[in-house]
C-alpha atoms as a PDB file:
ATOM      1  CA  MET A   1      35.437 -54.723  41.669  1.00  0.00           C
ATOM      2  CA  SER A   2      38.505 -56.611  42.859  1.00  0.00           C
ATOM      3  CA  ASN A   3      41.139 -54.462  43.676  1.00  0.00           C
ATOM      4  CA  TYR A   4      43.719 -57.355  42.608  1.00  0.00           C
ATOM      5  CA  MET A   5      47.243 -56.584  41.706  1.00  0.00           C
ATOM      6  CA  PRO A   6      49.679 -59.883  41.031  1.00  0.00           C
ATOM      7  CA  THR A   7      52.083 -60.566  42.674  1.00  0.00           C
ATOM      8  CA  MET A   8      55.719 -61.096  40.340  1.00  0.00           C
ATOM      9  CA  GLU A   9      55.562 -64.385  40.944  1.00  0.00           C
ATOM     10  CA  ASN A  10      51.701 -64.631  39.465  1.00  0.00           C
ATOM     11  CA  ILE A  11      52.024 -62.799  36.174  1.00  0.00           C
ATOM     12  CA  GLU A  12      53.703 -65.345  33.199  1.00  0.00           C
ATOM     13  CA  HIS A  13      57.516 -63.889  32.136  1.00  0.00           C
ATOM     14  CA  LYS A  14      57.116 -63.231  27.616  1.00  0.00           C
ATOM     15  CA  THR A  15      59.816 -62.313  25.918  1.00  0.00           C
ATOM     16  CA  ALA A  16      58.548 -58.784  23.856  1.00  0.00           C
ATOM     17  CA  PRO A  17      58.541 -59.346  19.870  1.00  0.00           C
ATOM     18  CA  THR A  18      61.828 -57.297  18.191  1.00  0.00           C
ATOM     19  CA  LEU A  19      60.784 -55.185  15.556  1.00  0.00           C
ATOM     20  CA  ASP A  20      61.844 -57.377  12.257  1.00  0.00           C
ATOM     21  CA  GLU A  21      59.054 -60.290  13.943  1.00  0.00           C
ATOM     22  CA  ILE A  22      56.629 -57.206  14.236  1.00  0.00           C
ATOM     23  CA  LEU A  23      57.423 -56.041  10.784  1.00  0.00           C
ATOM     24  CA  THR A  24      57.718 -59.600   9.050  1.00  0.00           C
ATOM     25  CA  LEU A  25      53.663 -60.027   9.590  1.00  0.00           C
ATOM     26  CA  GLU A  26      53.029 -56.759   9.060  1.00  0.00           C
ATOM     27  CA  LYS A  27      55.026 -56.944   5.695  1.00  0.00           C
ATOM     28  CA  LYS A  28      52.559 -60.159   5.322  1.00  0.00           C
ATOM     29  CA  VAL A  29      49.874 -58.270   5.435  1.00  0.00           C
ATOM     30  CA  TRP A  30      51.172 -56.218   2.489  1.00  0.00           C
ATOM     31  CA  ALA A  31      51.849 -58.765   0.482  1.00  0.00           C
ATOM     32  CA  ALA A  32      48.154 -60.362   0.484  1.00  0.00           C
ATOM     33  CA  LEU A  33      46.707 -56.091  -0.552  1.00  0.00           C
ATOM     34  CA  VAL A  34      49.710 -57.471  -3.788  1.00  0.00           C
ATOM     35  CA  GLU A  35      48.604 -60.442  -4.183  1.00  0.00           C
ATOM     36  CA  GLY A  36      45.040 -60.549  -3.580  1.00  0.00           C
ATOM     37  CA  ASN A  37      44.689 -63.261  -1.147  1.00  0.00           C
ATOM     38  CA  ALA A  38      41.573 -62.640   1.080  1.00  0.00           C
ATOM     39  CA  GLU A  39      42.197 -65.559   3.269  1.00  0.00           C
ATOM     40  CA  ALA A  40      45.616 -64.434   4.008  1.00  0.00           C
ATOM     41  CA  ASP A  41      44.817 -60.906   5.525  1.00  0.00           C
ATOM     42  CA  ARG A  42      41.468 -62.285   7.593  1.00  0.00           C
ATOM     43  CA  ALA A  43      44.169 -64.685   9.373  1.00  0.00           C
ATOM     44  CA  LEU A  44      46.176 -61.733  10.280  1.00  0.00           C
ATOM     45  CA  LEU A  45      43.620 -59.606  11.139  1.00  0.00           C
ATOM     46  CA  SER A  46      41.431 -60.117  14.785  1.00  0.00           C
ATOM     47  CA  PRO A  47      37.766 -60.688  14.993  1.00  0.00           C
ATOM     48  CA  ASP A  48      37.191 -57.731  17.009  1.00  0.00           C
ATOM     49  CA  PHE A  49      39.913 -55.548  14.356  1.00  0.00           C
ATOM     50  CA  LEU A  50      39.012 -51.511  13.768  1.00  0.00           C
ATOM     51  CA  GLY A  51      41.233 -49.483  11.331  1.00  0.00           C
ATOM     52  CA  VAL A  52      40.901 -45.417  11.092  1.00  0.00           C
ATOM     53  CA  TYR A  53      41.302 -44.620   7.676  1.00  0.00           C
ATOM     54  CA  PRO A  54      40.888 -41.442   5.542  1.00  0.00           C
ATOM     55  CA  THR A  55      37.460 -42.894   4.135  1.00  0.00           C
ATOM     56  CA  GLY A  56      36.377 -43.860   7.529  1.00  0.00           C
ATOM     57  CA  PHE A  57      36.352 -46.582  10.256  1.00  0.00           C
ATOM     58  CA  ALA A  58      36.586 -50.138   8.919  1.00  0.00           C
ATOM     59  CA  ASN A  59      36.316 -53.794  10.754  1.00  0.00           C
ATOM     60  CA  ARG A  60      37.711 -57.349   9.905  1.00  0.00           C
ATOM     61  CA  ASP A  61      35.328 -57.889   6.985  1.00  0.00           C
ATOM     62  CA  ASP A  62      35.594 -54.801   5.666  1.00  0.00           C
ATOM     63  CA  HIS A  63      39.543 -54.489   5.483  1.00  0.00           C
ATOM     64  CA  VAL A  64      38.661 -58.154   3.977  1.00  0.00           C
ATOM     65  CA  GLY A  65      35.838 -56.724   1.772  1.00  0.00           C
ATOM     66  CA  GLN A  66      38.671 -54.632  -0.336  1.00  0.00           C
ATOM     67  CA  PHE A  67      39.763 -57.753  -2.412  1.00  0.00           C
ATOM     68  CA  ALA A  68      35.995 -58.280  -4.181  1.00  0.00           C
ATOM     69  CA  ASP A  69      37.436 -57.266  -7.039  1.00  0.00           C
ATOM     70  CA  ALA A  70      41.025 -57.908  -6.949  1.00  0.00           C
ATOM     71  CA  PRO A  71      44.641 -57.095  -5.868  1.00  0.00           C
ATOM     72  CA  THR A  72      44.538 -53.223  -3.655  1.00  0.00           C
ATOM     73  CA  MET A  73      48.400 -53.062  -4.161  1.00  0.00           C
ATOM     74  CA  ALA A  74      51.105 -53.460  -6.347  1.00  0.00           C
ATOM     75  CA  ARG A  75      53.693 -52.381  -4.945  1.00  0.00           C
ATOM     76  CA  PHE A  76      55.037 -51.384  -1.791  1.00  0.00           C
ATOM     77  CA  GLU A  77      58.075 -49.891   0.247  1.00  0.00           C
ATOM     78  CA  LEU A  78      58.213 -50.195   4.770  1.00  0.00           C
ATOM     79  CA  SER A  79      60.461 -47.421   5.504  1.00  0.00           C
ATOM     80  CA  GLU A  80      61.289 -45.046   9.137  1.00  0.00           C
ATOM     81  CA  THR A  81      60.002 -47.958  11.140  1.00  0.00           C
ATOM     82  CA  LYS A  82      59.742 -48.083  14.808  1.00  0.00           C
ATOM     83  CA  LEU A  83      58.162 -50.488  17.718  1.00  0.00           C
ATOM     84  CA  ARG A  84      56.856 -49.360  20.881  1.00  0.00           C
ATOM     85  CA  VAL A  85      56.632 -52.435  23.458  1.00  0.00           C
ATOM     86  CA  LEU A  86      53.286 -51.953  25.352  1.00  0.00           C
ATOM     87  CA  SER A  87      53.511 -55.430  27.361  1.00  0.00           C
ATOM     88  CA  PRO A  88      55.119 -58.305  26.208  1.00  0.00           C
ATOM     89  CA  ASP A  89      51.846 -59.339  24.269  1.00  0.00           C
ATOM     90  CA  ILE A  90      50.770 -55.663  22.926  1.00  0.00           C
ATOM     91  CA  VAL A  91      53.274 -53.540  20.324  1.00  0.00           C
ATOM     92  CA  LEU A  92      52.747 -50.679  18.627  1.00  0.00           C
ATOM     93  CA  LEU A  93      54.200 -51.053  15.333  1.00  0.00           C
ATOM     94  CA  SER A  94      54.809 -47.543  13.523  1.00  0.00           C
ATOM     95  CA  TYR A  95      56.211 -46.734   9.957  1.00  0.00           C
ATOM     96  CA  ARG A  96      55.978 -44.579   6.352  1.00  0.00           C
ATOM     97  CA  ALA A  97      54.344 -46.716   3.546  1.00  0.00           C
ATOM     98  CA  ASP A  98      55.075 -45.866  -0.238  1.00  0.00           C
ATOM     99  CA  TYR A  99      52.939 -48.145  -2.241  1.00  0.00           C
ATOM    100  CA  GLN A 100      52.032 -47.459  -5.612  1.00  0.00           C
ATOM    101  CA  ARG A 101      48.217 -49.126  -6.820  1.00  0.00           C
ATOM    102  CA  PRO A 102      47.591 -51.479  -9.755  1.00  0.00           C
ATOM    103  CA  ASP A 103      47.421 -49.403 -12.805  1.00  0.00           C
ATOM    104  CA  ALA A 104      48.532 -45.919 -11.589  1.00  0.00           C
ATOM    105  CA  ALA A 105      50.991 -44.531 -12.395  1.00  0.00           C
ATOM    106  CA  GLU A 106      51.850 -42.603  -8.930  1.00  0.00           C
ATOM    107  CA  TRP A 107      53.332 -43.168  -5.701  1.00  0.00           C
ATOM    108  CA  GLU A 108      51.299 -42.977  -2.538  1.00  0.00           C
ATOM    109  CA  ALA A 109      51.955 -42.929   0.546  1.00  0.00           C
ATOM    110  CA  MET A 110      50.496 -43.050   4.566  1.00  0.00           C
ATOM    111  CA  LEU A 111      51.963 -42.634   8.116  1.00  0.00           C
ATOM    112  CA  ILE A 112      50.611 -46.123   9.608  1.00  0.00           C
ATOM    113  CA  SER A 113      50.558 -47.461  13.196  1.00  0.00           C
ATOM    114  CA  SER A 114      49.568 -50.338  13.564  1.00  0.00           C
ATOM    115  CA  LEU A 115      48.601 -52.933  17.276  1.00  0.00           C
ATOM    116  CA  TRP A 116      49.596 -56.029  16.875  1.00  0.00           C
ATOM    117  CA  GLU A 117      48.773 -57.992  20.144  1.00  0.00           C
ATOM    118  CA  ARG A 118      49.397 -62.082  20.918  1.00  0.00           C
ATOM    119  CA  ARG A 119      46.685 -63.827  21.967  1.00  0.00           C
ATOM    120  CA  LEU A 120      46.491 -67.447  22.382  1.00  0.00           C
ATOM    121  CA  ASP A 121      50.623 -67.268  21.233  1.00  0.00           C
ATOM    122  CA  VAL A 122      49.581 -66.431  18.091  1.00  0.00           C
ATOM    123  CA  TRP A 123      50.155 -62.458  16.997  1.00  0.00           C
ATOM    124  CA  ILE A 124      47.191 -61.255  15.120  1.00  0.00           C
ATOM    125  CA  ASN A 125      46.768 -57.228  14.085  1.00  0.00           C
ATOM    126  CA  SER A 126      43.891 -55.582  16.419  1.00  0.00           C
ATOM    127  CA  PHE A 127      44.194 -52.071  15.258  1.00  0.00           C
ATOM    128  CA  SER A 128      45.519 -49.617  12.679  1.00  0.00           C
ATOM    129  CA  GLN A 129      45.620 -46.185  11.193  1.00  0.00           C
ATOM    130  CA  ASP A 130      46.300 -44.984   8.556  1.00  0.00           C
ATOM    131  CA  THR A 131      47.170 -40.930   7.722  1.00  0.00           C
ATOM    132  CA  PRO A 132      48.274 -40.054   4.774  1.00  0.00           C
ATOM    133  CA  THR A 133      51.430 -38.116   3.985  1.00  0.00           C
ATOM    134  CA  GLU A 134      53.597 -36.175   0.889  1.00  0.00           C
ATOM    135  CA  ALA A 135      54.835 -38.996  -1.512  1.00  0.00           C
ATOM    136  CA  LYS A 136      58.426 -39.461  -2.224  1.00  0.00           C
END
């Protein structure tokens, strides 16, 4: 096991994304849920994606598999957004999602933490945790 620590000149300097940039990507995941677009959903999630949901753990295939029948969301609103920069290539987006499922009269809500990673200069979602909360 090496104790090598890179010197500053060996570290590539990248700029961390803004909240708006990551929020735009997160909204694309939600738009895929509304449109029932499994291909778009798969493209935004890393192959090693892990979801932690009230129903249990899920991988990318599980997340994409929810589109088997139809769109899973009718509409959504994201608020209370916060971005925590862990490194220029890893950020944690946390927010409140209010949403309505197709054919549902009531709105539901979740508090969500979503980990985005820049891999090969592409931002992908590698982790998401949803916590139910009271609807507005």
